[in-house]
Structure formats: C-alpha cells, structure tokens
C-alpha atoms as a PDB file:
ATOM      1  CA  MET A   1     -21.517  -7.839  -7.724  1.00  0.00           C
ATOM      2  CA  PRO A   2     -20.609  -8.001  -4.226  1.00  0.00           C
ATOM      3  CA  ILE A   3     -19.554 -11.392  -2.646  1.00  0.00           C
ATOM      4  CA  ARG A   4     -22.169 -12.200  -0.101  1.00  0.00           C
ATOM      5  CA  ASP A   5     -20.625 -15.566   1.199  1.00  0.00           C
ATOM      6  CA  PRO A   6     -18.280 -15.179   4.009  1.00  0.00           C
ATOM      7  CA  GLN A   7     -16.592 -18.479   3.033  1.00  0.00           C
ATOM      8  CA  ALA A   8     -15.933 -17.235  -0.584  1.00  0.00           C
ATOM      9  CA  VAL A   9     -14.341 -13.984   0.926  1.00  0.00           C
ATOM     10  CA  LEU A  10     -12.296 -15.788   3.394  1.00  0.00           C
ATOM     11  CA  ALA A  11     -11.039 -18.229   0.433  1.00  0.00           C
ATOM     12  CA  LYS A  12      -9.923 -14.925  -1.429  1.00  0.00           C
ATOM     13  CA  LEU A  13      -8.217 -13.569   1.787  1.00  0.00           C
ATOM     14  CA  GLY A  14      -6.328 -16.788   2.075  1.00  0.00           C
ATOM     15  CA  LEU A  15      -4.593 -15.927  -1.008  1.00  0.00           C
ATOM     16  CA  THR A  16      -3.571 -12.370  -0.368  1.00  0.00           C
ATOM     17  CA  THR A  17      -2.067  -9.977   2.289  1.00  0.00           C
ATOM     18  CA  LEU A  18      -3.809  -6.581   2.349  1.00  0.00           C
ATOM     19  CA  LYS A  19      -1.482  -3.808   2.629  1.00  0.00           C
ATOM     20  CA  VAL A  20      -3.020  -0.911   4.963  1.00  0.00           C
ATOM     21  CA  ASP A  21      -1.892   2.111   2.521  1.00  0.00           C
ATOM     22  CA  THR A  22      -3.542   5.155   1.345  1.00  0.00           C
ATOM     23  CA  TYR A  23      -6.017   3.150  -0.634  1.00  0.00           C
ATOM     24  CA  PHE A  24      -7.034   1.015   2.117  1.00  0.00           C
ATOM     25  CA  LEU A  25      -7.531   3.874   4.386  1.00  0.00           C
ATOM     26  CA  GLN A  26      -9.655   6.023   1.789  1.00  0.00           C
ATOM     27  CA  ARG A  27     -11.748   2.920   0.674  1.00  0.00           C
ATOM     28  CA  THR A  28     -12.584   1.385   3.946  1.00  0.00           C
ATOM     29  CA  GLY A  29     -12.595   4.598   6.206  1.00  0.00           C
ATOM     30  CA  PHE A  30     -10.313   2.739   8.433  1.00  0.00           C
ATOM     31  CA  VAL A  31      -9.186   4.573  11.832  1.00  0.00           C
ATOM     32  CA  ALA A  32      -5.652   3.400  12.137  1.00  0.00           C
ATOM     33  CA  ASN A  33      -4.909   5.123  15.294  1.00  0.00           C
ATOM     34  CA  GLN A  34      -7.808   3.609  16.974  1.00  0.00           C
ATOM     35  CA  THR A  35      -6.498   0.224  16.962  1.00  0.00           C
ATOM     36  CA  ILE A  36      -6.473  -1.698  20.349  1.00  0.00           C
ATOM     37  CA  LEU A  37      -4.767  -5.001  21.036  1.00  0.00           C
ATOM     38  CA  LYS A  38      -5.855  -6.381  24.381  1.00  0.00           C
ATOM     39  CA  LEU A  39      -3.311  -8.592  26.300  1.00  0.00           C
ATOM     40  CA  GLY A  40      -5.033  -9.718  29.366  1.00  0.00           C
ATOM     41  CA  GLU A  41      -5.664  -6.586  31.386  1.00  0.00           C
ATOM     42  CA  TYR A  42      -3.457  -4.542  28.880  1.00  0.00           C
ATOM     43  CA  SER A  43      -4.504  -2.356  26.169  1.00  0.00           C
ATOM     44  CA  LEU A  44      -1.837  -1.801  23.482  1.00  0.00           C
ATOM     45  CA  ASN A  45      -2.410   1.083  20.884  1.00  0.00           C
ATOM     46  CA  CYS A  46      -0.802  -0.095  17.537  1.00  0.00           C
ATOM     47  CA  VAL A  47      -1.080   0.739  13.808  1.00  0.00           C
ATOM     48  CA  PRO A  48      -1.730  -1.823  11.179  1.00  0.00           C
ATOM     49  CA  ALA A  49       0.942  -2.441   8.501  1.00  0.00           C
ATOM     50  CA  THR A  50      -0.680  -5.451   6.758  1.00  0.00           C
ATOM     51  CA  ILE A  51      -3.576  -7.778   7.182  1.00  0.00           C
ATOM     52  CA  GLY A  52      -3.804 -11.525   6.290  1.00  0.00           C
ATOM     53  CA  LEU A  53      -5.264 -14.676   7.563  1.00  0.00           C
ATOM     54  CA  GLU A  54      -1.965 -16.572   8.287  1.00  0.00           C
ATOM     55  CA  GLU A  55      -0.041 -13.556   9.546  1.00  0.00           C
ATOM     56  CA  SER A  56      -1.216  -9.601  10.169  1.00  0.00           C
ATOM     57  CA  ARG A  57       1.529  -7.107  11.107  1.00  0.00           C
ATOM     58  CA  PHE A  58       0.974  -4.352  13.473  1.00  0.00           C
ATOM     59  CA  LEU A  59       3.559  -1.332  14.563  1.00  0.00           C
ATOM     60  CA  ALA A  60       3.857  -0.591  18.124  1.00  0.00           C
ATOM     61  CA  VAL A  61       5.948   1.485  20.244  1.00  0.00           C
ATOM     62  CA  LEU A  62       7.475  -0.573  23.141  1.00  0.00           C
ATOM     63  CA  THR A  63      10.729  -0.500  25.095  1.00  0.00           C
ATOM     64  CA  PRO A  64      12.783  -3.543  25.387  1.00  0.00           C
ATOM     65  CA  ALA A  65      11.350  -4.201  28.863  1.00  0.00           C
ATOM     66  CA  GLU A  66       7.788  -4.168  27.559  1.00  0.00           C
ATOM     67  CA  VAL A  67       8.618  -6.404  24.488  1.00  0.00           C
ATOM     68  CA  ASN A  68       9.989  -8.956  27.167  1.00  0.00           C
ATOM     69  CA  HIS A  69       6.878  -8.384  29.257  1.00  0.00           C
ATOM     70  CA  PHE A  70       4.386  -8.715  26.455  1.00  0.00           C
ATOM     71  CA  GLY A  71       6.281 -11.825  24.914  1.00  0.00           C
ATOM     72  CA  ARG A  72       4.537 -13.854  27.902  1.00  0.00           C
ATOM     73  CA  PHE A  73       1.204 -13.504  26.090  1.00  0.00           C
ATOM     74  CA  LYS A  74       2.134 -15.669  23.241  1.00  0.00           C
ATOM     75  CA  ALA A  75      -0.119 -18.158  24.629  1.00  0.00           C
ATOM     76  CA  GLY A  76      -3.762 -18.025  24.567  1.00  0.00           C
ATOM     77  CA  THR A  77      -6.153 -15.880  22.481  1.00  0.00           C
ATOM     78  CA  HIS A  78      -6.610 -12.049  22.788  1.00  0.00           C
ATOM     79  CA  VAL A  79      -8.934  -9.571  21.364  1.00  0.00           C
ATOM     80  CA  LEU A  80      -7.933  -7.048  18.344  1.00  0.00           C
ATOM     81  CA  ILE A  81     -10.336  -4.072  17.962  1.00  0.00           C
ATOM     82  CA  LEU A  82     -10.419  -2.319  14.570  1.00  0.00           C
ATOM     83  CA  SER A  83     -12.376   0.847  13.958  1.00  0.00           C
ATOM     84  CA  PHE A  84     -14.047   2.159  10.697  1.00  0.00           C
ATOM     85  CA  ASP A  85     -15.713   5.539   9.784  1.00  0.00           C
ATOM     86  CA  ASP A  86     -19.299   4.609   9.087  1.00  0.00           C
ATOM     87  CA  ARG A  87     -20.007   7.492   6.735  1.00  0.00           C
ATOM     88  CA  GLU A  88     -23.622   6.673   5.801  1.00  0.00           C
ATOM     89  CA  ASN A  89     -24.777   6.593   9.421  1.00  0.00           C
ATOM     90  CA  ASN A  90     -22.183   9.359  10.647  1.00  0.00           C
ATOM     91  CA  ASP A  91     -20.907   6.720  13.180  1.00  0.00           C
ATOM     92  CA  VAL A  92     -17.887   4.429  14.007  1.00  0.00           C
ATOM     93  CA  ALA A  93     -18.100   0.754  13.330  1.00  0.00           C
ATOM     94  CA  ARG A  94     -15.834  -1.383  15.483  1.00  0.00           C
ATOM     95  CA  PHE A  95     -15.143  -5.046  15.060  1.00  0.00           C
ATOM     96  CA  HIS A  96     -13.734  -7.331  17.673  1.00  0.00           C
ATOM     97  CA  LEU A  97     -11.500  -9.868  16.270  1.00  0.00           C
ATOM     98  CA  ARG A  98     -10.042 -13.099  18.334  1.00  0.00           C
ATOM     99  CA  VAL A  99      -6.311 -13.337  17.441  1.00  0.00           C
ATOM    100  CA  THR A 100      -3.155 -14.883  18.894  1.00  0.00           C
ATOM    101  CA  LEU A 101       0.222 -13.090  19.509  1.00  0.00           C
ATOM    102  CA  VAL A 102       2.871 -15.023  17.401  1.00  0.00           C
ATOM    103  CA  ASP A 103       5.809 -12.807  17.960  1.00  0.00           C
ATOM    104  CA  LEU A 104       7.293  -9.410  18.559  1.00  0.00           C
ATOM    105  CA  VAL A 105       9.891  -8.463  16.396  1.00  0.00           C
ATOM    106  CA  PRO A 106      11.981  -4.994  16.791  1.00  0.00           C
ATOM    107  CA  VAL A 107      11.957  -2.839  13.476  1.00  0.00           C
ATOM    108  CA  PRO A 108      15.669  -2.478  12.421  1.00  0.00           C
ATOM    109  CA  GLU A 109      16.909   1.371  12.892  1.00  0.00           C
ATOM    110  CA  ARG A 110      13.866   2.248  14.609  1.00  0.00           C
ATOM    111  CA  LYS A 111      14.163   2.900  18.461  1.00  0.00           C
ATOM    112  CA  ASN A 112      11.398   1.345  20.314  1.00  0.00           C
ATOM    113  CA  VAL A 113       9.376   0.267  17.365  1.00  0.00           C
ATOM    114  CA  CYS A 114       8.455  -3.383  16.874  1.00  0.00           C
ATOM    115  CA  PHE A 115       6.075  -5.405  14.772  1.00  0.00           C
ATOM    116  CA  LEU A 116       3.237  -7.363  16.760  1.00  0.00           C
ATOM    117  CA  LEU A 117       2.855 -10.548  14.521  1.00  0.00           C
ATOM    118  CA  LEU A 118      -0.715 -11.673  14.816  1.00  0.00           C
ATOM    119  CA  LYS A 119      -2.749 -14.636  13.533  1.00  0.00           C
ATOM    120  CA  LEU A 120      -6.378 -14.257  13.117  1.00  0.00           C
ATOM    121  CA  LYS A 121      -8.336 -16.928  14.599  1.00  0.00           C
ATOM    122  CA  SER A 122     -12.003 -15.806  14.145  1.00  0.00           C
ATOM    123  CA  LEU A 123     -13.500 -13.162  12.238  1.00  0.00           C
ATOM    124  CA  PRO A 124     -17.181 -11.787  12.596  1.00  0.00           C
ATOM    125  CA  PRO A 125     -19.012 -12.674   9.349  1.00  0.00           C
ATOM    126  CA  GLU A 126     -20.102  -8.890   8.898  1.00  0.00           C
ATOM    127  CA  PHE A 127     -16.262  -7.958   8.956  1.00  0.00           C
ATOM    128  CA  VAL A 128     -15.634 -10.669   6.487  1.00  0.00           C
ATOM    129  CA  LEU A 129     -18.241  -9.206   4.090  1.00  0.00           C
ATOM    130  CA  PHE A 130     -16.774  -5.846   4.797  1.00  0.00           C
ATOM    131  CA  LEU A 131     -13.493  -6.904   3.575  1.00  0.00           C
ATOM    132  CA  GLY A 132     -15.120  -8.800   0.670  1.00  0.00           C
ATOM    133  CA  GLU A 133     -16.362  -5.421  -0.939  1.00  0.00           C
ATOM    134  CA  PHE A 134     -12.941  -3.958  -0.555  1.00  0.00           C
ATOM    135  CA  LEU A 135     -11.489  -6.964  -2.528  1.00  0.00           C
ATOM    136  CA  GLU A 136     -13.724  -6.523  -5.103  1.00  0.00           C
ATOM    137  CA  GLY A 137     -12.679  -2.608  -5.612  1.00  0.00           C
ATOM    138  CA  LEU A 138      -9.026  -3.938  -5.167  1.00  0.00           C
ATOM    139  CA  GLU A 139      -9.270  -6.531  -7.811  1.00  0.00           C
ATOM    140  CA  ALA A 140     -10.995  -4.016 -10.262  1.00  0.00           C
ATOM    141  CA  ARG A 141      -8.106  -1.765 -10.028  1.00  0.00           C
ATOM    142  CA  LYS A 142      -5.691  -4.590 -10.511  1.00  0.00           C
ATOM    143  CA  GLU A 143      -7.264  -5.501 -13.651  1.00  0.00           C
ATOM    144  CA  ALA A 144      -6.952  -1.830 -14.868  1.00  0.00           C
ATOM    145  CA  TRP A 145      -3.420  -2.098 -13.925  1.00  0.00           C
ATOM    146  CA  GLU A 146      -2.481  -4.940 -16.066  1.00  0.00           C
ATOM    147  CA  ALA A 147      -4.454  -3.584 -19.166  1.00  0.00           C
ATOM    148  CA  PRO A 148      -2.506  -2.582 -22.178  1.00  0.00           C
ATOM    149  CA  SER A 149      -2.085   0.997 -23.119  1.00  0.00           C
ATOM    150  CA  ASP A 150      -0.206   3.535 -24.949  1.00  0.00           C
ATOM    151  CA  PRO A 151       2.969   5.036 -23.342  1.00  0.00           C
ATOM    152  CA  VAL A 152       3.194   8.584 -22.186  1.00  0.00           C
ATOM    153  CA  GLU A 153       6.137  10.590 -23.391  1.00  0.00           C
ATOM    154  CA  VAL A 154       7.751  13.195 -21.318  1.00  0.00           C
ATOM    155  CA  PRO A 155       9.219  15.996 -23.068  1.00  0.00           C
ATOM    156  CA  ALA A 156      12.963  17.209 -22.012  1.00  0.00           C
ATOM    157  CA  GLY A 157      12.653  20.043 -19.679  1.00  0.00           C
ATOM    158  CA  ALA A 158       8.869  19.546 -19.116  1.00  0.00           C
ATOM    159  CA  SER A 159       7.453  20.991 -15.940  1.00  0.00           C
ATOM    160  CA  GLY A 160       3.896  19.543 -16.062  1.00  0.00           C
ATOM    161  CA  ALA A 161       2.171  17.042 -14.035  1.00  0.00           C
ATOM    162  CA  LEU A 162       5.179  14.608 -13.682  1.00  0.00           C
ATOM    163  CA  ASN A 163       8.595  16.153 -12.855  1.00  0.00           C
ATOM    164  CA  PRO A 164      10.912  14.261 -15.184  1.00  0.00           C
ATOM    165  CA  GLN A 165      13.658  14.458 -12.489  1.00  0.00           C
ATOM    166  CA  ALA A 166      13.504  11.742 -10.192  1.00  0.00           C
ATOM    167  CA  THR A 167      15.760   9.628  -7.633  1.00  0.00           C
ATOM    168  CA  VAL A 168      16.224   5.932  -7.384  1.00  0.00           C
ATOM    169  CA  THR A 169      17.139   4.722  -3.844  1.00  0.00           C
ATOM    170  CA  ALA A 170      18.473   1.545  -2.264  1.00  0.00           C
ATOM    171  CA  ASP A 171      19.115   1.860   1.612  1.00  0.00           C
ATOM    172  CA  SER A 172      21.631   4.785   1.614  1.00  0.00           C
ATOM    173  CA  HIS A 173      22.454   4.696  -2.064  1.00  0.00           C
ATOM    174  CA  LYS A 174      20.767   7.332  -4.364  1.00  0.00           C
ATOM    175  CA  ALA A 175      21.015   8.103  -7.933  1.00  0.00           C
ATOM    176  CA  GLN A 176      19.387  11.018  -9.853  1.00  0.00           C
ATOM    177  CA  VAL A 177      17.627   9.971 -13.139  1.00  0.00           C
ATOM    178  CA  THR A 178      15.256  11.448 -15.773  1.00  0.00           C
ATOM    179  CA  VAL A 179      11.988   9.952 -16.590  1.00  0.00           C
ATOM    180  CA  THR A 180      11.545  10.097 -20.470  1.00  0.00           C
ATOM    181  CA  SER A 181       8.272   8.186 -20.881  1.00  0.00           C
ATOM    182  CA  PHE A 182       6.175   5.779 -18.651  1.00  0.00           C
ATOM    183  CA  ASP A 183       3.156   3.601 -18.590  1.00  0.00           C
ATOM    184  CA  THR A 184       1.519   2.319 -15.393  1.00  0.00           C
ATOM    185  CA  LYS A 185       3.662  -0.946 -15.241  1.00  0.00           C
ATOM    186  CA  TRP A 186       7.239   0.947 -16.367  1.00  0.00           C
ATOM    187  CA  LEU A 187       8.979   4.133 -16.253  1.00  0.00           C
ATOM    188  CA  LYS A 188      11.908   4.585 -18.861  1.00  0.00           C
ATOM    189  CA  LEU A 189      14.717   6.218 -17.236  1.00  0.00           C
ATOM    190  CA  ASN A 190      17.964   8.029 -18.359  1.00  0.00           C
ATOM    191  CA  TRP A 191      20.835   6.980 -16.267  1.00  0.00           C
ATOM    192  CA  THR A 192      24.169   8.888 -15.559  1.00  0.00           C
ATOM    193  CA  GLU A 193      25.402   6.159 -12.950  1.00  0.00           C
ATOM    194  CA  ASP A 194      26.682   2.512 -13.350  1.00  0.00           C
ATOM    195  CA  LEU A 195      23.479   0.673 -14.394  1.00  0.00           C
ATOM    196  CA  ALA A 196      24.840  -2.777 -13.635  1.00  0.00           C
ATOM    197  CA  ALA A 197      25.641  -1.722  -9.930  1.00  0.00           C
ATOM    198  CA  TRP A 198      21.976  -0.605  -9.402  1.00  0.00           C
ATOM    199  CA  ALA A 199      20.418  -3.874 -10.987  1.00  0.00           C
ATOM    200  CA  ALA A 200      21.905  -5.928  -8.704  1.00  0.00           C
ATOM    201  CA  ARG A 201      20.794  -3.776  -5.494  1.00  0.00           C
ATOM    202  CA  PRO A 202      17.666  -5.147  -3.623  1.00  0.00           C
ATOM    203  CA  GLY A 203      14.845  -2.925  -2.336  1.00  0.00           C
ATOM    204  CA  LEU A 204      14.683  -0.147  -4.839  1.00  0.00           C
ATOM    205  CA  HIS A 205      12.516   2.820  -4.698  1.00  0.00           C
ATOM    206  CA  LEU A 206      11.797   5.345  -7.387  1.00  0.00           C
ATOM    207  CA  ARG A 207      11.074   8.821  -5.779  1.00  0.00           C
ATOM    208  CA  LEU A 208       8.964  11.020  -7.954  1.00  0.00           C
ATOM    209  CA  ALA A 209       7.084  14.425  -7.887  1.00  0.00           C
ATOM    210  CA  VAL A 210       3.376  14.029  -9.130  1.00  0.00           C
ATOM    211  CA  ARG A 211       1.621  17.065  -9.490  1.00  0.00           C
ATOM    212  CA  SER A 212       4.213  18.654  -7.065  1.00  0.00           C
ATOM    213  CA  GLN A 213       3.563  16.053  -4.333  1.00  0.00           C
ATOM    214  CA  PRO A 214       5.971  13.243  -3.707  1.00  0.00           C
ATOM    215  CA  LEU A 215       5.238   9.726  -4.547  1.00  0.00           C
ATOM    216  CA  THR A 216       7.537   6.611  -3.938  1.00  0.00           C
ATOM    217  CA  LEU A 217       7.146   3.458  -5.827  1.00  0.00           C
ATOM    218  CA  GLU A 218       8.636   0.046  -4.935  1.00  0.00           C
ATOM    219  CA  GLY A 219       9.931  -2.014  -7.503  1.00  0.00           C
ATOM    220  CA  LYS A 220      12.976  -3.271  -9.761  1.00  0.00           C
ATOM    221  CA  LEU A 221      14.900  -2.547 -12.808  1.00  0.00           C
ATOM    222  CA  ASP A 222      14.710  -4.382 -16.257  1.00  0.00           C
ATOM    223  CA  ALA A 223      18.028  -4.890 -18.301  1.00  0.00           C
ATOM    224  CA  GLU A 224      17.647  -1.731 -19.956  1.00  0.00           C
ATOM    225  CA  GLY A 225      17.363   0.338 -16.728  1.00  0.00           C
ATOM    226  CA  ALA A 226      13.558   0.893 -17.114  1.00  0.00           C
ATOM    227  CA  PHE A 227      11.986   1.116 -13.467  1.00  0.00           C
ATOM    228  CA  LEU A 228       9.159  -1.619 -13.119  1.00  0.00           C
ATOM    229  CA  PRO A 229       6.829  -0.476 -10.107  1.00  0.00           C
ATOM    230  CA  GLU A 230       4.854  -2.911  -8.027  1.00  0.00           C
ATOM    231  CA  PHE A 231       1.029  -2.520  -8.013  1.00  0.00           C
ATOM    232  CA  ASN A 232       0.209   1.259  -6.721  1.00  0.00           C
ATOM    233  CA  THR A 233      -3.157   2.776  -6.663  1.00  0.00           C
ATOM    234  CA  GLU A 234      -1.975   6.245  -6.487  1.00  0.00           C
ATOM    235  CA  TRP A 235       0.362   5.643  -9.430  1.00  0.00           C
ATOM    236  CA  LEU A 236      -2.598   4.171 -11.399  1.00  0.00           C
ATOM    237  CA  ASP A 237      -4.923   6.856 -10.576  1.00  0.00           C
ATOM    238  CA  PHE A 238      -2.383   9.508 -11.707  1.00  0.00           C
ATOM    239  CA  VAL A 239      -1.618   7.574 -15.049  1.00  0.00           C
ATOM    240  CA  GLU A 240      -5.532   7.216 -15.571  1.00  0.00           C
ATOM    241  CA  GLU A 241      -6.246  10.908 -15.045  1.00  0.00           C
ATOM    242  CA  LEU A 242      -3.516  12.109 -17.091  1.00  0.00           C
ATOM    243  CA  ARG A 243      -4.727   9.828 -20.047  1.00  0.00           C
ATOM    244  CA  PHE A 244      -8.309  10.965 -19.555  1.00  0.00           C
ATOM    245  CA  GLN A 245      -7.113  14.718 -19.718  1.00  0.00           C
ATOM    246  CA  ARG A 246      -5.411  14.061 -22.842  1.00  0.00           C
ATOM    247  CA  THR A 247      -8.254  12.397 -24.540  1.00  0.00           C
ATOM    248  CA  LEU A 248     -10.338  15.352 -23.793  1.00  0.00           C
ATOM    249  CA  LYS A 249      -7.763  17.768 -25.015  1.00  0.00           C
ATOM    250  CA  HIS A 250      -7.580  15.766 -28.544  1.00  0.00           C
ATOM    251  CA  ARG A 251     -11.026  15.169 -29.117  1.00  0.00           C
ATOM    252  CA  PRO A 252     -12.485  16.788 -32.194  1.00  0.00           C
ATOM    253  CA  GLY A 253     -13.979  20.286 -31.176  1.00  0.00           C
ATOM    254  CA  ALA A 254     -11.910  20.494 -27.947  1.00  0.00           C
ATOM    255  CA  ARG A 255      -9.879  23.458 -29.049  1.00  0.00           C
ATOM    256  CA  ALA A 256     -12.816  25.467 -29.982  1.00  0.00           C
ATOM    257  CA  GLU A 257     -14.404  24.668 -26.510  1.00  0.00           C
ATOM    258  CA  GLY A 258     -11.297  25.491 -24.572  1.00  0.00           C
END
C-alpha cells in the first residue's frame, strides 16, 4: 500500500540515495535533460546522477572559468527544477525544490564535466509522495533480488539469451571470462588470468551481452572468482524473465502446445 505520510517517506529517503538509472527513468517518467538549476540570474542545464536528502549529485558541462564563477553561489538558497512526464494527463509535471550548492567537483578524465553537489533544503509534499511511490516499487524489486532461487546453467558454446563470453574490467585492465552459471546475486566465471591479481583490484565491472544488448554490472569477486553484482534491476528483470520462460517450457503439456 503506498505511503501517504510525507514524513514517513522522508524518513525512508534519509536512509538511501536514489540512483538515477534506467529503472528510475522508466518508473518515474523523469525527463533528465530538462533539469535546471537556477543560480541567481543564471539557469544551468544539468543531468542528475543521484538524489539523496543529504547530498544529490548532478552533472554539468562547465569550463574552469565557469566553475570558478559559479563557486560564488555556495552561499544562499537556490531553485532546482525537475520535470516528469505525466502520462495519465499527457502533460509534464514540474517540481521546484529549494537547494543549496555545496560544491562543484571536476569529473576525472572528462574535460569540462563536473559534479554539482546539492543539499535539498525543502521538498514539496506532492514530490515527496511521488518519490514514496517509487520507493515502494524499488523495495519490492530488492526483495525479489534477495529471494532464494535455483541457479541457471550456461551450456558450453551456448548462443542463447546470455552470451557466455564476457569481460571483467577495472580501469584500463581487461580480462576475458566465460559465464558457466548464474543467479541474480552471483555469476560463476571461468578464468584464464591470475585470479589473485584481479581480486585485489577495486572498481570491478562485468560486461555482458544479454539478448544481444550490452549490460554492465558493478560488483566484486568472491574467493573462488565468482562475480557478485550489486543490485541491478535490468539484470534482475532478465533472470526473472528467463526463469519464467523455462517454467513455461517445462510445464506439463507444454511440448504438445508448442
């Protein structure tokens, strides 16, 4: 049942930072490229990365001179405008949030791109309840992520929904691996490289081809070289869909129907 108390939603928001990813965009209808931060007489176009009560991060393209200039606006209260598609009314809903500019931090190895670090000062009640509905759906997906289930085996040389040939990366380092089985929370890999060296590297990513589309998972390795992904709704959707299809395939009478 959706939360109808803004204070209860704020309590939940205080414990998490929302990642503005594909799932967030699809569930909320967020129009990321219409985000505007008003600093005095200036209006900055920015793209959200994360939203949290204590700190929200937005990306903006600014020259070093502009970073220096807008750094003067760290004092005072400003307005952040967020836009969402209102599909039911075929309209756009815009929320005006009061924020403070905490800092402007250049993004390493990305010329003229920086993070705008913002602290949310006040949120309209209707926006809080809007986020509350999103949190309800997100918590349900996380429960599905944690639910125990049977692993999925990947036959050698298979060319089905998941390409077993994958790549583990960490900065400029790459290693080719083979996925032999998986669940939502782990993928068993066959390695040809020194596993000990990879286990010590931070910032690991596993790059997969799922239904011929690229999918990147963030995570770490366990002692046996299995990849342990962080919560990812796209990966969860794929695993659930695959299990559902296999359930239909193996149900009594399925062969006769197909």
